Amino acid sequence: MRLSNEIMNDMKQANKDEIRQRYLAVDTSNVADVLDTLDYLDQGLSSDFAPFPIRRDGIKLAGWAYTIRGQMTAFPLGGDDDKMQACQGLSAGEISVWSGDGEGICYFGELIALGMKERGCVGAVLDGGIRDVRWIGQHGFPVFARYRTPVQSIGRWKVNAWQVPVVLRGATSNFVSVKPGDFILGDDDGAIVIPAPLVEQVLAESERLTATEAAIRTQLSEGLTLAEALAKYGHV
């Protein structure tokens, strides 16, 4: 017979999977509005973070934060064992969140992306660079990164910690704090961080806003005027 804590872990994972799927159906704009009402005003990431690959049908990124931190460090060519070890800890439904002082270099390319995907990782957010953009796109691995570059990190930038609080450049503040287990949502409007204690509350209210907006769009298409919509629904 399986131990009760194993069954509980499965239930928790199932709940996390359900939450992730539901977040995929809401927009970052609605999430941002909900966070404003809760006085979390600075959760959006900088507009420098761009989606890769760029797709005509848009891109969506949703998952639980698994944080990785590094710094510019000269070291011999041959690999970064700490980076490999950090990536081994990724689990299903998680997004790898990369932070550090790297400039002009990529934090990872195609092969590491494939390794992360094999572990169930559902995307990445990089406060730094990415390369092998074409190939990563063909593997269906969504990434938000500050820039793209052909220059590797080996010999230049080294991972020094993982699953610790990190900071990423922000949209309305210099930095946004990301802790392991926070939730990351990204789409064509950008990316935003939902603190772990608020994930379910923000989701429920974002779903309510999404349903209201859908109703407004339907009624506008049926002849409702904008003035009538504002009178009926107020600001949304």
Protein backbone atom coordinates (compact mmCIF):
# COMPACT_ATOMS: atom_id res chain seq x y z
CA MET A 1 0.00 0.00 0.00
CA ARG A 2 1.28 3.44 -0.86
CA LEU A 3 2.13 5.78 1.96
CA SER A 4 -0.42 8.51 2.66
CA ASN A 5 2.13 11.30 2.12
CA GLU A 6 2.85 9.94 -1.39
CA ILE A 7 -0.86 10.09 -2.19
CA MET A 8 -1.01 13.63 -0.78
CA ASN A 9 1.93 14.66 -2.95
CA ASP A 10 0.13 13.31 -6.03
CA MET A 11 -2.97 15.28 -5.05
CA LYS A 12 -0.95 18.43 -4.59
CA GLN A 13 0.72 17.95 -7.98
CA ALA A 14 -2.66 17.38 -9.62
CA ASN A 15 -3.92 20.60 -8.05
CA LYS A 16 -0.85 22.49 -9.28
CA ASP A 17 -1.35 21.11 -12.79
CA GLU A 18 -4.99 22.24 -12.75
CA ILE A 19 -3.98 25.72 -11.60
CA ARG A 20 -1.38 25.97 -14.34
CA GLN A 21 -3.88 24.97 -17.03
CA ARG A 22 -6.38 27.52 -15.76
CA TYR A 23 -3.76 30.28 -15.82
CA LEU A 24 -3.11 29.48 -19.47
CA ALA A 25 -6.67 30.66 -20.17
CA VAL A 26 -6.29 34.15 -18.62
CA ASP A 27 -4.31 37.19 -19.74
CA THR A 28 -1.43 38.91 -17.98
CA SER A 29 -3.38 42.16 -18.21
CA ASN A 30 -6.19 40.78 -16.05
CA VAL A 31 -3.70 39.30 -13.60
CA ALA A 32 -1.96 42.69 -13.35
CA ASP A 33 -5.28 44.42 -12.64
CA VAL A 34 -6.11 41.92 -9.89
CA LEU A 35 -2.69 42.34 -8.29
CA ASP A 36 -3.23 46.12 -8.29
CA THR A 37 -6.42 45.68 -6.24
CA LEU A 38 -4.40 43.64 -3.74
CA ASP A 39 -1.78 46.43 -3.54
CA TYR A 40 0.88 44.40 -5.36
CA LEU A 41 1.71 47.17 -7.81
CA ASP A 42 5.16 46.17 -9.06
CA GLN A 43 4.94 42.55 -10.19
CA GLY A 44 5.33 43.07 -13.93
CA LEU A 45 8.68 42.28 -15.56
CA SER A 46 10.51 44.81 -17.70
CA SER A 47 9.40 45.23 -21.30
CA ASP A 48 12.96 44.19 -22.22
CA PHE A 49 11.80 40.60 -21.64
CA ALA A 50 10.68 39.37 -25.05
CA PRO A 51 9.10 36.06 -26.06
CA PHE A 52 11.14 33.57 -28.08
CA PRO A 53 10.31 32.26 -30.54
CA ILE A 54 8.12 35.02 -31.95
CA ARG A 55 4.94 33.36 -33.23
CA ARG A 56 2.09 34.73 -35.29
CA ASP A 57 -0.40 32.94 -33.07
CA GLY A 58 1.21 34.34 -29.93
CA ILE A 59 3.04 32.70 -27.07
CA LYS A 60 1.91 31.67 -23.59
CA LEU A 61 4.08 30.81 -20.62
CA ALA A 62 2.69 29.61 -17.30
CA GLY A 63 4.33 27.71 -14.48
CA TRP A 64 5.85 27.59 -11.03
CA ALA A 65 9.15 29.36 -10.50
CA TYR A 66 12.34 27.32 -10.11
CA THR A 67 15.07 29.88 -9.59
CA ILE A 68 18.69 29.80 -10.82
CA ARG A 69 21.25 32.53 -10.10
CA GLY A 70 24.69 33.22 -11.55
CA GLN A 71 27.38 35.82 -12.01
CA MET A 72 30.11 36.85 -14.42
CA THR A 73 33.08 34.64 -13.49
CA ALA A 74 36.11 33.75 -15.56
CA PHE A 75 36.74 30.00 -15.56
CA PRO A 76 38.27 27.39 -17.89
CA LEU A 77 36.31 26.11 -20.86
CA GLY A 78 34.71 22.70 -20.43
CA GLY A 79 31.36 23.22 -18.79
CA ASP A 80 29.52 24.48 -15.73
CA ASP A 81 28.79 21.55 -13.41
CA ASP A 82 26.70 23.72 -11.09
CA LYS A 83 24.45 24.72 -14.00
CA MET A 84 23.92 21.06 -14.84
CA GLN A 85 23.18 20.21 -11.21
CA ALA A 86 20.74 23.10 -10.90
CA CYS A 87 18.80 21.97 -13.95
CA GLN A 88 18.54 18.43 -12.57
CA GLY A 89 16.26 19.71 -9.83
CA LEU A 90 13.52 20.91 -12.19
CA SER A 91 10.12 19.23 -11.97
CA ALA A 92 6.96 19.03 -14.05
CA GLY A 93 5.05 22.28 -14.43
CA GLU A 94 7.97 24.47 -13.39
CA ILE A 95 9.58 27.39 -15.21
CA SER A 96 13.30 27.94 -14.85
CA VAL A 97 13.89 31.55 -13.77
CA TRP A 98 17.44 32.74 -14.46
CA SER A 99 18.91 35.76 -12.69
CA GLY A 100 22.33 37.36 -12.42
CA ASP A 101 24.69 39.95 -13.80
CA GLY A 102 25.31 38.38 -17.19
CA GLU A 103 25.54 40.83 -20.10
CA GLY A 104 26.11 39.92 -23.74
CA ILE A 105 26.17 36.17 -23.09
CA CYS A 106 23.51 33.47 -23.22
CA TYR A 107 22.46 31.60 -20.11
CA PHE A 108 21.56 28.49 -22.09
CA GLY A 109 20.88 27.17 -25.58
CA GLU A 110 19.15 24.28 -27.30
CA LEU A 111 20.65 21.30 -25.49
CA ILE A 112 19.97 22.58 -21.98
CA ALA A 113 16.47 23.59 -23.07
CA LEU A 114 15.88 20.03 -24.24
CA GLY A 115 17.17 18.65 -20.93
CA MET A 116 14.84 20.93 -19.00
CA LYS A 117 11.89 19.97 -21.20
CA GLU A 118 12.62 16.27 -20.61
CA ARG A 119 12.21 16.91 -16.87
CA GLY A 120 8.78 18.47 -17.42
CA CYS A 121 9.94 22.09 -17.34
CA VAL A 122 7.40 24.18 -19.30
CA GLY A 123 9.50 27.21 -20.19
CA ALA A 124 12.07 29.71 -18.99
CA VAL A 125 12.46 33.36 -18.01
CA LEU A 126 15.95 34.81 -18.45
CA ASP A 127 17.20 38.11 -17.08
CA GLY A 128 19.93 37.64 -19.64
CA GLY A 129 20.45 36.12 -23.06
CA ILE A 130 19.40 33.12 -25.10
CA ARG A 131 20.81 31.49 -28.23
CA ASP A 132 19.72 28.67 -30.58
CA VAL A 133 16.43 30.53 -30.81
CA ARG A 134 15.31 28.79 -34.00
CA TRP A 135 15.93 25.31 -32.65
CA ILE A 136 14.41 25.98 -29.23
CA GLY A 137 11.33 27.23 -31.04
CA GLN A 138 11.08 24.04 -33.05
CA HIS A 139 11.05 22.08 -29.79
CA GLY A 140 8.05 24.09 -28.57
CA PHE A 141 9.87 25.44 -25.50
CA PRO A 142 8.66 28.98 -24.67
CA VAL A 143 11.20 31.48 -23.35
CA PHE A 144 11.08 35.10 -22.22
CA ALA A 145 14.57 36.62 -22.35
CA ARG A 146 16.06 40.12 -22.25
CA TYR A 147 18.15 39.59 -25.37
CA ARG A 148 19.52 37.03 -27.81
CA THR A 149 23.20 36.45 -28.47
CA PRO A 150 25.46 33.84 -30.05
CA VAL A 151 28.02 34.15 -27.21
CA GLN A 152 28.10 31.24 -24.74
CA SER A 153 28.33 31.55 -20.97
CA ILE A 154 31.06 28.91 -20.62
CA GLY A 155 34.21 30.59 -19.33
CA ARG A 156 32.31 33.83 -18.64
CA TRP A 157 29.23 33.34 -16.44
CA LYS A 158 28.72 30.68 -13.80
CA VAL A 159 25.73 29.45 -11.77
CA ASN A 160 26.28 30.04 -8.05
CA ALA A 161 22.92 29.15 -6.47
CA TRP A 162 19.49 27.72 -7.21
CA GLN A 163 16.12 27.58 -5.50
CA VAL A 164 16.86 30.83 -3.67
CA PRO A 165 15.04 34.19 -3.88
CA VAL A 166 16.22 36.16 -6.94
CA VAL A 167 15.42 39.50 -8.55
CA LEU A 168 14.53 40.27 -12.17
CA ARG A 169 14.32 43.67 -13.85
CA GLY A 170 10.88 45.18 -13.39
CA ALA A 171 8.39 47.20 -15.43
CA THR A 172 7.39 49.74 -12.76
CA SER A 173 10.25 49.18 -10.32
CA ASN A 174 13.94 48.46 -10.68
CA PHE A 175 13.51 44.82 -9.70
CA VAL A 176 10.83 42.23 -9.03
CA SER A 177 11.50 39.59 -6.39
CA VAL A 178 10.89 35.97 -7.40
CA LYS A 179 10.88 33.20 -4.83
CA PRO A 180 10.83 29.46 -5.51
CA GLY A 181 7.20 28.42 -5.90
CA ASP A 182 5.92 31.80 -7.08
CA PHE A 183 3.91 31.66 -10.31
CA ILE A 184 5.03 33.16 -13.63
CA LEU A 185 2.60 34.09 -16.41
CA GLY A 186 3.70 35.41 -19.78
CA ASP A 187 1.93 36.25 -23.02
CA ASP A 188 2.07 38.79 -25.86
CA ASP A 189 1.73 41.67 -23.36
CA GLY A 190 4.72 40.59 -21.27
CA ALA A 191 5.40 38.60 -18.12
CA ILE A 192 4.29 38.97 -14.51
CA VAL A 193 5.05 37.33 -11.15
CA ILE A 194 2.29 36.14 -8.81
CA PRO A 195 3.52 35.55 -5.23
CA ALA A 196 2.85 31.98 -4.09
CA PRO A 197 0.40 32.87 -1.26
CA LEU A 198 -1.81 34.76 -3.76
CA VAL A 199 -1.82 32.29 -6.66
CA GLU A 200 -5.30 30.84 -6.18
CA GLN A 201 -6.93 34.11 -5.13
CA VAL A 202 -5.50 35.96 -8.14
CA LEU A 203 -6.51 33.14 -10.46
CA ALA A 204 -10.15 33.10 -9.35
CA GLU A 205 -10.52 36.86 -9.73
CA SER A 206 -8.69 36.85 -13.08
CA GLU A 207 -11.09 34.21 -14.34
CA ARG A 208 -14.00 36.40 -13.27
CA LEU A 209 -12.56 39.36 -15.18
CA THR A 210 -11.93 37.16 -18.21
CA ALA A 211 -15.56 36.02 -18.24
CA THR A 212 -16.78 39.62 -17.94
CA GLU A 213 -14.60 40.75 -20.84
CA ALA A 214 -15.84 37.85 -22.97
CA ALA A 215 -19.43 38.88 -22.28
CA ILE A 216 -18.65 42.50 -23.21
CA ARG A 217 -17.02 41.48 -26.49
CA THR A 218 -20.03 39.34 -27.39
CA GLN A 219 -22.50 42.13 -26.61
CA LEU A 220 -20.45 44.73 -28.48
CA SER A 221 -20.50 42.47 -31.52
CA GLU A 222 -24.29 42.27 -31.16
CA GLY A 223 -24.73 46.04 -31.20
CA LEU A 224 -24.12 47.22 -27.64
CA THR A 225 -22.35 50.60 -27.69
CA LEU A 226 -19.19 51.30 -25.74
CA ALA A 227 -21.06 53.86 -23.61
CA GLU A 228 -23.71 51.27 -22.79
CA ALA A 229 -21.05 48.68 -21.95
CA LEU A 230 -19.30 51.09 -19.57
CA ALA A 231 -22.60 51.96 -17.94
CA LYS A 232 -23.46 48.29 -17.50
CA TYR A 233 -20.09 46.86 -16.48
CA GLY A 234 -18.06 49.83 -15.35
CA HIS A 235 -14.28 49.88 -15.78
CA VAL A 236 -12.76 46.54 -16.72
